[in-house]
Amino acid sequence: MQVSILTELWDIENDIDSIKELFIRINTILKLNKRYMDYMTVDGAPVKTDFQDYIEDRIKDISQIDIITISQKRLNDNLLVTANEYLTGTIPQLNGLVDSFYKGASEGSWQKFGDLVEGFLYIHKVTEALSTSETDYNTLNGMLEPFVNDFNIKLVMLLEVAEQRDSLQIADIINYEIKPLLENFNVLLETTIDSEVVRDDLH
């Protein structure tokens, strides 16, 4: 099969043993060029996740792999937009979850809470990545690190009371600590996206 990334083009054998070498070479090229993999196409079909599994399942039949890369700035733009979309959809739902926990929390409420925690952890991961990135956004300057630290403290508080299954404290922390923090941060994200992100090609 033939592999292309940026200006590089080479052939590899269609066997499982070649896959590890393939990804080592791809990662080396990305690092040297300060680029990131956005997705790949395998014989014209776009693949956005589980790259290695996808290739392994079709290893004998693949003719061409093309690696599509993006810059650090575009990667961060994508992260900002995705975080904003998540928060815009999630924040309005917090009131209903908080009410259910004040009333004692059903099993369904606990399931929604688990999904919410996963989302919170995603936001924390995204903001940590942005805070350590070389790409600067004027609107976010000086704002990301305090948010990351504050959000981390509140997440720890939330997870600690969750272990105790204390529904009232969970409701209080979400309602009075986390929700206002996320609302303010989402306004900051929207301002940054509107002024510093080109959205036409995103999503």
N, C-alpha and C. Protein backbone atom coordinates (compact mmCIF):
# COMPACT_ATOMS: atom_id res chain seq x y z
N MET A 1 0.85 -1.20 0.00
CA MET A 1 0.00 0.00 0.00
C MET A 1 0.88 1.23 0.00
N GLN A 2 0.30 2.35 -0.41
CA GLN A 2 1.02 3.62 -0.43
C GLN A 2 0.46 4.54 0.65
N VAL A 3 1.35 5.28 1.30
CA VAL A 3 0.97 6.19 2.38
C VAL A 3 1.46 7.59 2.04
N SER A 4 0.59 8.58 2.26
CA SER A 4 1.01 9.97 2.03
C SER A 4 0.64 10.83 3.23
N ILE A 5 1.57 11.73 3.58
CA ILE A 5 1.32 12.72 4.63
C ILE A 5 2.17 13.93 4.33
N LEU A 6 1.53 15.09 4.26
CA LEU A 6 2.22 16.31 3.88
C LEU A 6 2.97 16.08 2.57
N THR A 7 4.30 16.24 2.56
CA THR A 7 5.04 16.04 1.31
C THR A 7 5.67 14.65 1.22
N GLU A 8 5.41 13.82 2.22
CA GLU A 8 6.01 12.49 2.26
C GLU A 8 5.11 11.46 1.56
N LEU A 9 5.74 10.56 0.84
CA LEU A 9 5.02 9.49 0.15
C LEU A 9 5.90 8.24 0.17
N TRP A 10 5.35 7.11 0.65
CA TRP A 10 6.14 5.88 0.69
C TRP A 10 5.25 4.65 0.63
N ASP A 11 5.86 3.52 0.35
CA ASP A 11 5.14 2.25 0.25
C ASP A 11 5.47 1.38 1.47
N ILE A 12 4.46 0.63 1.95
CA ILE A 12 4.69 -0.35 3.00
C ILE A 12 3.97 -1.65 2.62
N GLU A 13 4.41 -2.72 3.24
CA GLU A 13 3.80 -4.02 2.99
C GLU A 13 2.41 -4.10 3.62
N ASN A 14 1.54 -4.87 2.96
CA ASN A 14 0.19 -5.07 3.50
C ASN A 14 0.19 -6.21 4.51
N ASP A 15 0.82 -5.95 5.65
CA ASP A 15 0.79 -6.96 6.70
C ASP A 15 0.76 -6.27 8.07
N ILE A 16 0.33 -7.00 9.08
CA ILE A 16 0.13 -6.47 10.42
C ILE A 16 1.43 -5.89 10.99
N ASP A 17 2.54 -6.53 10.71
CA ASP A 17 3.83 -6.10 11.27
C ASP A 17 4.23 -4.70 10.80
N SER A 18 3.65 -4.25 9.70
CA SER A 18 4.01 -2.93 9.17
C SER A 18 3.28 -1.79 9.87
N ILE A 19 2.21 -2.11 10.60
CA ILE A 19 1.34 -1.06 11.14
C ILE A 19 2.05 -0.26 12.23
N LYS A 20 2.75 -0.93 13.13
CA LYS A 20 3.44 -0.20 14.19
C LYS A 20 4.46 0.77 13.61
N GLU A 21 5.23 0.32 12.64
CA GLU A 21 6.21 1.17 11.97
C GLU A 21 5.53 2.35 11.27
N LEU A 22 4.36 2.06 10.69
CA LEU A 22 3.61 3.11 10.00
C LEU A 22 3.28 4.27 10.95
N PHE A 23 2.74 3.95 12.13
CA PHE A 23 2.32 5.00 13.05
C PHE A 23 3.51 5.69 13.70
N ILE A 24 4.60 4.98 13.89
CA ILE A 24 5.82 5.63 14.39
C ILE A 24 6.29 6.68 13.39
N ARG A 25 6.28 6.32 12.12
CA ARG A 25 6.73 7.26 11.08
C ARG A 25 5.77 8.44 10.97
N ILE A 26 4.47 8.16 11.02
CA ILE A 26 3.48 9.25 10.96
C ILE A 26 3.69 10.21 12.12
N ASN A 27 3.83 9.69 13.33
CA ASN A 27 4.00 10.56 14.50
C ASN A 27 5.28 11.36 14.45
N THR A 28 6.33 10.77 13.90
CA THR A 28 7.60 11.48 13.75
C THR A 28 7.46 12.65 12.80
N ILE A 29 6.80 12.41 11.67
CA ILE A 29 6.59 13.47 10.67
C ILE A 29 5.72 14.59 11.26
N LEU A 30 4.68 14.22 11.98
CA LEU A 30 3.80 15.22 12.60
C LEU A 30 4.58 16.08 13.58
N LYS A 31 5.40 15.44 14.40
CA LYS A 31 6.17 16.18 15.41
C LYS A 31 7.17 17.12 14.76
N LEU A 32 7.86 16.65 13.74
CA LEU A 32 8.87 17.48 13.07
C LEU A 32 8.23 18.70 12.41
N ASN A 33 7.00 18.53 11.93
CA ASN A 33 6.32 19.62 11.21
C ASN A 33 5.34 20.40 12.08
N LYS A 34 5.29 20.04 13.37
CA LYS A 34 4.38 20.70 14.32
C LYS A 34 2.94 20.68 13.79
N ARG A 35 2.54 19.51 13.33
CA ARG A 35 1.19 19.30 12.83
C ARG A 35 0.51 18.20 13.65
N TYR A 36 -0.80 18.08 13.47
CA TYR A 36 -1.58 17.06 14.18
C TYR A 36 -2.46 16.33 13.17
N MET A 37 -2.69 15.04 13.43
CA MET A 37 -3.55 14.29 12.53
C MET A 37 -5.00 14.67 12.79
N ASP A 38 -5.68 15.11 11.74
CA ASP A 38 -7.11 15.40 11.83
C ASP A 38 -7.90 14.12 11.60
N TYR A 39 -7.61 13.47 10.47
CA TYR A 39 -8.20 12.17 10.15
C TYR A 39 -7.39 11.55 9.02
N MET A 40 -7.76 10.36 8.61
CA MET A 40 -7.11 9.75 7.46
C MET A 40 -8.17 9.25 6.49
N THR A 41 -7.78 9.08 5.25
CA THR A 41 -8.65 8.41 4.29
C THR A 41 -7.97 7.11 3.89
N VAL A 42 -8.74 6.05 3.86
CA VAL A 42 -8.24 4.73 3.47
C VAL A 42 -8.98 4.33 2.20
N ASP A 43 -8.28 4.33 1.11
CA ASP A 43 -8.89 4.09 -0.21
C ASP A 43 -10.10 5.00 -0.42
N GLY A 44 -9.91 6.27 0.00
CA GLY A 44 -10.93 7.28 -0.21
C GLY A 44 -11.97 7.40 0.89
N ALA A 45 -12.03 6.43 1.80
CA ALA A 45 -13.03 6.46 2.87
C ALA A 45 -12.46 7.19 4.09
N PRO A 46 -13.14 8.25 4.58
CA PRO A 46 -12.63 8.97 5.75
C PRO A 46 -12.72 8.12 7.02
N VAL A 47 -11.65 8.16 7.81
CA VAL A 47 -11.59 7.44 9.09
C VAL A 47 -11.16 8.44 10.15
N LYS A 48 -11.99 8.63 11.18
CA LYS A 48 -11.72 9.67 12.18
C LYS A 48 -11.37 9.13 13.55
N THR A 49 -11.59 7.84 13.78
CA THR A 49 -11.25 7.23 15.07
C THR A 49 -10.76 5.80 14.84
N ASP A 50 -10.16 5.23 15.86
CA ASP A 50 -9.74 3.82 15.83
C ASP A 50 -8.97 3.49 14.55
N PHE A 51 -7.98 4.32 14.26
CA PHE A 51 -7.23 4.17 13.02
C PHE A 51 -6.59 2.80 12.86
N GLN A 52 -5.90 2.38 13.93
CA GLN A 52 -5.15 1.13 13.83
C GLN A 52 -6.08 -0.06 13.62
N ASP A 53 -7.19 -0.09 14.36
CA ASP A 53 -8.14 -1.20 14.21
C ASP A 53 -8.71 -1.23 12.80
N TYR A 54 -9.03 -0.05 12.27
CA TYR A 54 -9.61 0.04 10.93
C TYR A 54 -8.63 -0.53 9.90
N ILE A 55 -7.35 -0.16 10.02
CA ILE A 55 -6.35 -0.65 9.08
C ILE A 55 -6.13 -2.14 9.23
N GLU A 56 -6.03 -2.61 10.48
CA GLU A 56 -5.80 -4.04 10.72
C GLU A 56 -6.91 -4.90 10.11
N ASP A 57 -8.16 -4.42 10.23
CA ASP A 57 -9.29 -5.20 9.72
C ASP A 57 -9.28 -5.32 8.20
N ARG A 58 -8.56 -4.40 7.53
CA ARG A 58 -8.58 -4.38 6.07
C ARG A 58 -7.17 -4.47 5.47
N ILE A 59 -6.22 -4.90 6.27
CA ILE A 59 -4.82 -4.79 5.92
C ILE A 59 -4.47 -5.39 4.55
N LYS A 60 -5.09 -6.47 4.17
CA LYS A 60 -4.75 -7.14 2.91
C LYS A 60 -5.30 -6.44 1.67
N ASP A 61 -6.30 -5.57 1.88
CA ASP A 61 -7.01 -4.98 0.73
C ASP A 61 -6.69 -3.51 0.50
N ILE A 62 -5.98 -2.87 1.41
CA ILE A 62 -5.76 -1.42 1.32
C ILE A 62 -4.73 -1.08 0.25
N SER A 63 -5.06 -0.07 -0.55
CA SER A 63 -4.12 0.40 -1.58
C SER A 63 -3.50 1.75 -1.22
N GLN A 64 -4.30 2.62 -0.59
CA GLN A 64 -3.83 3.99 -0.35
C GLN A 64 -4.32 4.50 1.00
N ILE A 65 -3.39 5.10 1.76
CA ILE A 65 -3.73 5.79 3.01
C ILE A 65 -3.23 7.21 2.90
N ASP A 66 -4.12 8.18 3.11
CA ASP A 66 -3.75 9.59 3.09
C ASP A 66 -4.02 10.18 4.47
N ILE A 67 -3.01 10.81 5.05
CA ILE A 67 -3.13 11.41 6.38
C ILE A 67 -3.43 12.89 6.21
N ILE A 68 -4.55 13.33 6.77
CA ILE A 68 -4.95 14.73 6.70
C ILE A 68 -4.54 15.41 8.01
N THR A 69 -3.74 16.45 7.90
CA THR A 69 -3.21 17.10 9.09
C THR A 69 -3.82 18.49 9.29
N ILE A 70 -3.68 18.97 10.52
CA ILE A 70 -4.12 20.33 10.84
C ILE A 70 -3.06 21.00 11.70
N SER A 71 -3.11 22.32 11.75
CA SER A 71 -2.18 23.08 12.57
C SER A 71 -2.62 23.06 14.03
N GLN A 72 -1.72 23.48 14.90
CA GLN A 72 -2.06 23.62 16.33
C GLN A 72 -3.23 24.59 16.50
N LYS A 73 -3.21 25.69 15.73
CA LYS A 73 -4.28 26.69 15.84
C LYS A 73 -5.62 26.08 15.45
N ARG A 74 -5.66 25.33 14.35
CA ARG A 74 -6.91 24.75 13.92
C ARG A 74 -7.39 23.68 14.91
N LEU A 75 -6.45 22.92 15.45
CA LEU A 75 -6.81 21.93 16.47
C LEU A 75 -7.45 22.61 17.66
N ASN A 76 -6.84 23.70 18.11
CA ASN A 76 -7.39 24.43 19.26
C ASN A 76 -8.73 25.07 18.92
N ASP A 77 -8.86 25.58 17.69
CA ASP A 77 -10.15 26.13 17.26
C ASP A 77 -11.24 25.06 17.36
N ASN A 78 -10.90 23.86 16.91
CA ASN A 78 -11.87 22.75 16.99
C ASN A 78 -12.25 22.46 18.43
N LEU A 79 -11.26 22.47 19.33
CA LEU A 79 -11.52 22.20 20.74
C LEU A 79 -12.43 23.27 21.34
N LEU A 80 -12.18 24.53 20.99
CA LEU A 80 -13.02 25.62 21.50
C LEU A 80 -14.46 25.47 21.05
N VAL A 81 -14.64 25.20 19.77
CA VAL A 81 -15.99 25.08 19.22
C VAL A 81 -16.73 23.88 19.84
N THR A 82 -16.02 22.75 19.96
CA THR A 82 -16.65 21.55 20.52
C THR A 82 -17.03 21.77 21.98
N ALA A 83 -16.14 22.41 22.75
CA ALA A 83 -16.44 22.70 24.15
C ALA A 83 -17.63 23.64 24.27
N ASN A 84 -17.68 24.65 23.42
CA ASN A 84 -18.79 25.59 23.43
C ASN A 84 -20.11 24.89 23.09
N GLU A 85 -20.08 24.03 22.10
CA GLU A 85 -21.29 23.30 21.72
C GLU A 85 -21.77 22.40 22.86
N TYR A 86 -20.81 21.74 23.53
CA TYR A 86 -21.19 20.87 24.64
C TYR A 86 -21.81 21.68 25.78
N LEU A 87 -21.16 22.77 26.16
CA LEU A 87 -21.66 23.56 27.28
C LEU A 87 -23.00 24.22 26.96
N THR A 88 -23.15 24.68 25.72
CA THR A 88 -24.40 25.32 25.31
C THR A 88 -25.57 24.33 25.41
N GLY A 89 -25.30 23.07 25.11
CA GLY A 89 -26.35 22.07 25.21
C GLY A 89 -26.56 21.54 26.61
N THR A 90 -25.51 21.55 27.43
CA THR A 90 -25.57 20.92 28.75
C THR A 90 -26.06 21.85 29.85
N ILE A 91 -25.60 23.09 29.84
CA ILE A 91 -25.93 24.01 30.93
C ILE A 91 -27.44 24.14 31.17
N PRO A 92 -28.28 24.27 30.12
CA PRO A 92 -29.72 24.38 30.37
C PRO A 92 -30.33 23.13 31.02
N GLN A 93 -29.66 21.98 30.89
CA GLN A 93 -30.18 20.75 31.46
C GLN A 93 -29.81 20.57 32.94
N LEU A 94 -28.93 21.42 33.44
CA LEU A 94 -28.46 21.27 34.81
C LEU A 94 -29.56 21.52 35.83
N ASN A 95 -30.46 22.45 35.52
CA ASN A 95 -31.53 22.76 36.48
C ASN A 95 -32.39 21.54 36.77
N GLY A 96 -32.75 20.80 35.74
CA GLY A 96 -33.57 19.61 35.93
C GLY A 96 -32.85 18.55 36.75
N LEU A 97 -31.55 18.38 36.50
CA LEU A 97 -30.78 17.39 37.25
C LEU A 97 -30.65 17.82 38.71
N VAL A 98 -30.39 19.10 38.91
CA VAL A 98 -30.28 19.62 40.28
C VAL A 98 -31.58 19.40 41.04
N ASP A 99 -32.70 19.71 40.42
CA ASP A 99 -34.01 19.51 41.07
C ASP A 99 -34.21 18.05 41.46
N SER A 100 -33.83 17.14 40.58
CA SER A 100 -34.02 15.72 40.88
C SER A 100 -33.15 15.27 42.05
N PHE A 101 -31.98 15.86 42.19
CA PHE A 101 -31.11 15.50 43.32
C PHE A 101 -31.60 16.13 44.63
N TYR A 102 -32.20 17.31 44.54
CA TYR A 102 -32.80 17.89 45.75
C TYR A 102 -33.98 17.04 46.24
N LYS A 103 -34.61 16.34 45.30
CA LYS A 103 -35.76 15.50 45.67
C LYS A 103 -35.35 14.07 46.05
N GLY A 104 -34.04 13.79 46.02
CA GLY A 104 -33.62 12.47 46.46
C GLY A 104 -32.87 11.65 45.43
N ALA A 105 -32.97 11.99 44.17
CA ALA A 105 -32.22 11.34 43.08
C ALA A 105 -32.65 9.90 42.83
N SER A 106 -33.29 9.70 41.68
CA SER A 106 -33.67 8.35 41.26
C SER A 106 -32.46 7.67 40.61
N GLU A 107 -32.62 6.41 40.26
CA GLU A 107 -31.55 5.69 39.58
C GLU A 107 -31.25 6.35 38.24
N GLY A 108 -32.31 6.84 37.57
CA GLY A 108 -32.11 7.55 36.30
C GLY A 108 -31.31 8.83 36.49
N SER A 109 -31.54 9.50 37.63
CA SER A 109 -30.80 10.72 37.92
C SER A 109 -29.31 10.43 38.10
N TRP A 110 -29.01 9.32 38.77
CA TRP A 110 -27.62 8.94 38.98
C TRP A 110 -26.95 8.59 37.65
N GLN A 111 -27.70 8.00 36.75
CA GLN A 111 -27.14 7.69 35.44
C GLN A 111 -26.82 8.97 34.67
N LYS A 112 -27.74 9.94 34.73
CA LYS A 112 -27.49 11.23 34.08
C LYS A 112 -26.31 11.95 34.73
N PHE A 113 -26.20 11.79 36.04
CA PHE A 113 -25.08 12.40 36.75
C PHE A 113 -23.75 11.80 36.26
N GLY A 114 -23.72 10.49 36.06
CA GLY A 114 -22.52 9.84 35.54
C GLY A 114 -22.13 10.38 34.18
N ASP A 115 -23.14 10.58 33.31
CA ASP A 115 -22.87 11.15 31.99
C ASP A 115 -22.34 12.57 32.12
N LEU A 116 -22.91 13.31 33.08
CA LEU A 116 -22.50 14.69 33.29
C LEU A 116 -21.04 14.77 33.75
N VAL A 117 -20.67 13.89 34.66
CA VAL A 117 -19.29 13.87 35.14
C VAL A 117 -18.32 13.59 34.00
N GLU A 118 -18.68 12.67 33.11
CA GLU A 118 -17.84 12.39 31.94
C GLU A 118 -17.67 13.65 31.09
N GLY A 119 -18.76 14.40 30.93
CA GLY A 119 -18.69 15.65 30.18
C GLY A 119 -17.82 16.68 30.87
N PHE A 120 -17.95 16.78 32.19
CA PHE A 120 -17.12 17.71 32.96
C PHE A 120 -15.64 17.36 32.82
N LEU A 121 -15.33 16.07 32.88
CA LEU A 121 -13.95 15.63 32.74
C LEU A 121 -13.40 15.96 31.35
N TYR A 122 -14.28 15.86 30.35
CA TYR A 122 -13.89 16.23 28.99
C TYR A 122 -13.55 17.73 28.92
N ILE A 123 -14.40 18.56 29.51
CA ILE A 123 -14.15 20.00 29.52
C ILE A 123 -12.85 20.31 30.24
N HIS A 124 -12.61 19.62 31.34
CA HIS A 124 -11.36 19.82 32.08
C HIS A 124 -10.16 19.45 31.21
N LYS A 125 -10.26 18.34 30.51
CA LYS A 125 -9.16 17.88 29.64
C LYS A 125 -8.90 18.89 28.52
N VAL A 126 -9.98 19.39 27.92
CA VAL A 126 -9.84 20.35 26.82
C VAL A 126 -9.18 21.64 27.31
N THR A 127 -9.65 22.15 28.43
CA THR A 127 -9.12 23.43 28.92
C THR A 127 -7.68 23.29 29.40
N GLU A 128 -7.33 22.14 29.94
CA GLU A 128 -5.93 21.91 30.32
C GLU A 128 -5.04 21.90 29.08
N ALA A 129 -5.52 21.24 28.01
CA ALA A 129 -4.76 21.19 26.76
C ALA A 129 -4.58 22.59 26.19
N LEU A 130 -5.62 23.40 26.23
CA LEU A 130 -5.55 24.76 25.70
C LEU A 130 -4.61 25.62 26.54
N SER A 131 -4.63 25.43 27.85
CA SER A 131 -3.82 26.26 28.74
C SER A 131 -2.33 25.99 28.58
N THR A 132 -1.95 24.80 28.10
CA THR A 132 -0.54 24.46 27.91
C THR A 132 -0.12 24.56 26.45
N SER A 133 -1.02 25.00 25.59
CA SER A 133 -0.72 25.09 24.16
C SER A 133 0.09 26.33 23.85
N GLU A 134 0.82 26.27 22.74
CA GLU A 134 1.58 27.43 22.29
C GLU A 134 0.71 28.46 21.59
N THR A 135 -0.49 28.07 21.23
CA THR A 135 -1.40 28.99 20.53
C THR A 135 -2.11 29.88 21.52
N ASP A 136 -2.03 31.19 21.32
CA ASP A 136 -2.67 32.13 22.23
C ASP A 136 -3.93 32.72 21.61
N TYR A 137 -4.91 32.95 22.46
CA TYR A 137 -6.11 33.68 22.07
C TYR A 137 -6.18 34.92 22.96
N ASN A 138 -6.28 36.07 22.34
CA ASN A 138 -6.26 37.31 23.11
C ASN A 138 -7.35 37.33 24.18
N THR A 139 -8.53 36.84 23.82
CA THR A 139 -9.67 36.87 24.74
C THR A 139 -9.46 35.97 25.94
N LEU A 140 -8.69 34.90 25.75
CA LEU A 140 -8.48 33.93 26.82
C LEU A 140 -7.23 34.18 27.65
N ASN A 141 -6.41 35.14 27.21
CA ASN A 141 -5.16 35.39 27.92
C ASN A 141 -5.39 35.67 29.39
N GLY A 142 -4.73 34.90 30.24
CA GLY A 142 -4.85 35.10 31.69
C GLY A 142 -6.11 34.52 32.30
N MET A 143 -6.98 33.93 31.47
CA MET A 143 -8.27 33.43 31.97
C MET A 143 -8.31 31.92 32.07
N LEU A 144 -7.56 31.22 31.23
CA LEU A 144 -7.66 29.76 31.18
C LEU A 144 -7.12 29.09 32.43
N GLU A 145 -5.93 29.48 32.85
CA GLU A 145 -5.32 28.80 34.00
C GLU A 145 -6.16 28.95 35.26
N PRO A 146 -6.68 30.16 35.59
CA PRO A 146 -7.55 30.26 36.77
C PRO A 146 -8.81 29.40 36.65
N PHE A 147 -9.38 29.32 35.41
CA PHE A 147 -10.56 28.48 35.23
C PHE A 147 -10.21 27.02 35.48
N VAL A 148 -9.10 26.56 34.89
CA VAL A 148 -8.70 25.16 35.05
C VAL A 148 -8.52 24.82 36.53
N ASN A 149 -7.85 25.70 37.27
CA ASN A 149 -7.60 25.45 38.69
C ASN A 149 -8.90 25.44 39.49
N ASP A 150 -9.75 26.41 39.22
CA ASP A 150 -11.02 26.51 39.94
C ASP A 150 -11.94 25.33 39.62
N PHE A 151 -12.00 24.99 38.33
CA PHE A 151 -12.85 23.88 37.91
C PHE A 151 -12.35 22.56 38.50
N ASN A 152 -11.04 22.41 38.57
CA ASN A 152 -10.46 21.19 39.14
C ASN A 152 -10.86 21.05 40.61
N ILE A 153 -10.78 22.13 41.35
CA ILE A 153 -11.16 22.11 42.77
C ILE A 153 -12.61 21.70 42.93
N LYS A 154 -13.47 22.28 42.10
CA LYS A 154 -14.91 21.99 42.21
C LYS A 154 -15.24 20.56 41.76
N LEU A 155 -14.51 20.07 40.76
CA LEU A 155 -14.70 18.69 40.33
C LEU A 155 -14.33 17.71 41.44
N VAL A 156 -13.22 17.98 42.10
CA VAL A 156 -12.79 17.12 43.22
C VAL A 156 -13.85 17.13 44.31
N MET A 157 -14.38 18.31 44.63
CA MET A 157 -15.45 18.41 45.63
C MET A 157 -16.65 17.56 45.22
N LEU A 158 -17.03 17.68 43.95
CA LEU A 158 -18.19 16.97 43.44
C LEU A 158 -18.00 15.46 43.52
N LEU A 159 -16.83 14.99 43.11
CA LEU A 159 -16.57 13.56 43.11
C LEU A 159 -16.49 13.00 44.53
N GLU A 160 -16.01 13.80 45.46
CA GLU A 160 -15.93 13.35 46.84
C GLU A 160 -17.32 13.14 47.44
N VAL A 161 -18.23 14.09 47.21
CA VAL A 161 -19.59 13.92 47.76
C VAL A 161 -20.36 12.86 46.97
N ALA A 162 -19.99 12.66 45.69
CA ALA A 162 -20.64 11.61 44.90
C ALA A 162 -20.32 10.24 45.48
N GLU A 163 -19.09 10.06 45.96
CA GLU A 163 -18.71 8.78 46.58
C GLU A 163 -19.57 8.49 47.81
N GLN A 164 -20.02 9.54 48.47
CA GLN A 164 -20.86 9.38 49.66
C GLN A 164 -22.34 9.30 49.31
N ARG A 165 -22.64 9.43 48.01
CA ARG A 165 -24.03 9.41 47.51
C ARG A 165 -24.88 10.48 48.20
N ASP A 166 -24.26 11.62 48.48
CA ASP A 166 -24.95 12.72 49.16
C ASP A 166 -25.63 13.59 48.10
N SER A 167 -26.89 13.31 47.83
CA SER A 167 -27.59 13.98 46.73
C SER A 167 -27.76 15.48 46.98
N LEU A 168 -27.96 15.89 48.23
CA LEU A 168 -28.15 17.31 48.52
C LEU A 168 -26.87 18.11 48.26
N GLN A 169 -25.74 17.58 48.71
CA GLN A 169 -24.48 18.28 48.48
C GLN A 169 -24.12 18.30 47.00
N ILE A 170 -24.42 17.21 46.30
CA ILE A 170 -24.19 17.18 44.85
C ILE A 170 -24.99 18.29 44.17
N ALA A 171 -26.26 18.41 44.54
CA ALA A 171 -27.11 19.45 43.95
C ALA A 171 -26.57 20.84 44.25
N ASP A 172 -26.13 21.05 45.49
CA ASP A 172 -25.59 22.36 45.87
C ASP A 172 -24.32 22.71 45.08
N ILE A 173 -23.43 21.75 44.96
CA ILE A 173 -22.16 22.02 44.26
C ILE A 173 -22.41 22.31 42.78
N ILE A 174 -23.29 21.52 42.15
CA ILE A 174 -23.59 21.78 40.74
C ILE A 174 -24.26 23.13 40.58
N ASN A 175 -25.23 23.42 41.45
CA ASN A 175 -26.06 24.61 41.30
C ASN A 175 -25.31 25.90 41.65
N TYR A 176 -24.53 25.88 42.72
CA TYR A 176 -23.92 27.11 43.21
C TYR A 176 -22.43 27.25 42.91
N GLU A 177 -21.78 26.16 42.55
CA GLU A 177 -20.34 26.23 42.28
C GLU A 177 -20.02 26.01 40.80
N ILE A 178 -20.49 24.90 40.26
CA ILE A 178 -20.09 24.52 38.91
C ILE A 178 -20.89 25.26 37.83
N LYS A 179 -22.20 25.32 37.99
CA LYS A 179 -23.03 25.95 36.95
C LYS A 179 -22.64 27.40 36.69
N PRO A 180 -22.50 28.26 37.70
CA PRO A 180 -22.08 29.64 37.42
C PRO A 180 -20.71 29.72 36.75
N LEU A 181 -19.80 28.86 37.18
CA LEU A 181 -18.46 28.85 36.60
C LEU A 181 -18.52 28.50 35.11
N LEU A 182 -19.30 27.49 34.78
CA LEU A 182 -19.41 27.07 33.37
C LEU A 182 -20.16 28.10 32.54
N GLU A 183 -21.15 28.73 33.11
CA GLU A 183 -21.89 29.77 32.37
C GLU A 183 -20.96 30.92 31.99
N ASN A 184 -20.15 31.37 32.95
CA ASN A 184 -19.21 32.46 32.67
C ASN A 184 -18.15 32.04 31.67
N PHE A 185 -17.68 30.81 31.81
CA PHE A 185 -16.65 30.32 30.89
C PHE A 185 -17.21 30.17 29.48
N ASN A 186 -18.45 29.74 29.36
CA ASN A 186 -19.04 29.57 28.03
C ASN A 186 -19.22 30.91 27.33
N VAL A 187 -19.54 31.95 28.08
CA VAL A 187 -19.61 33.30 27.50
C VAL A 187 -18.24 33.70 26.96
N LEU A 188 -17.20 33.37 27.73
CA LEU A 188 -15.84 33.67 27.30
C LEU A 188 -15.48 32.88 26.03
N LEU A 189 -15.91 31.62 25.98
CA LEU A 189 -15.67 30.81 24.78
C LEU A 189 -16.37 31.43 23.57
N GLU A 190 -17.61 31.83 23.74
CA GLU A 190 -18.37 32.40 22.62
C GLU A 190 -17.71 33.68 22.11
N THR A 191 -17.24 34.50 23.04
CA THR A 191 -16.56 35.74 22.65
C THR A 191 -15.28 35.44 21.87
N THR A 192 -14.53 34.44 22.35
CA THR A 192 -13.29 34.05 21.69
C THR A 192 -13.56 33.49 20.30
N ILE A 193 -14.56 32.63 20.19
CA ILE A 193 -14.89 32.03 18.90
C ILE A 193 -15.35 33.09 17.91
N ASP A 194 -16.18 34.01 18.37
CA ASP A 194 -16.69 35.05 17.48
C ASP A 194 -15.59 35.98 16.97
N SER A 195 -14.57 36.21 17.80
CA SER A 195 -13.56 37.20 17.42
C SER A 195 -12.26 36.59 16.88
N GLU A 196 -11.99 35.31 17.21
CA GLU A 196 -10.66 34.78 16.87
C GLU A 196 -10.69 33.42 16.18
N VAL A 197 -11.86 32.87 15.91
CA VAL A 197 -11.95 31.55 15.28
C VAL A 197 -12.72 31.67 13.98
N VAL A 198 -12.17 31.07 12.92
CA VAL A 198 -12.88 30.98 11.65
C VAL A 198 -13.71 29.70 11.68
N ARG A 199 -15.03 29.81 11.71
CA ARG A 199 -15.89 28.66 11.94
C ARG A 199 -16.36 28.00 10.65
N ASP A 200 -16.13 28.63 9.51
CA ASP A 200 -16.72 28.12 8.27
C ASP A 200 -16.37 26.66 8.01
N ASP A 201 -15.13 26.29 8.30
CA ASP A 201 -14.68 24.94 7.94
C ASP A 201 -14.75 23.98 9.12
N LEU A 202 -15.29 24.45 10.26
CA LEU A 202 -15.32 23.59 11.44
C LEU A 202 -16.65 22.87 11.53
N HIS A 203 -16.58 21.53 11.75
CA HIS A 203 -17.77 20.70 11.94
C HIS A 203 -18.71 20.77 10.76
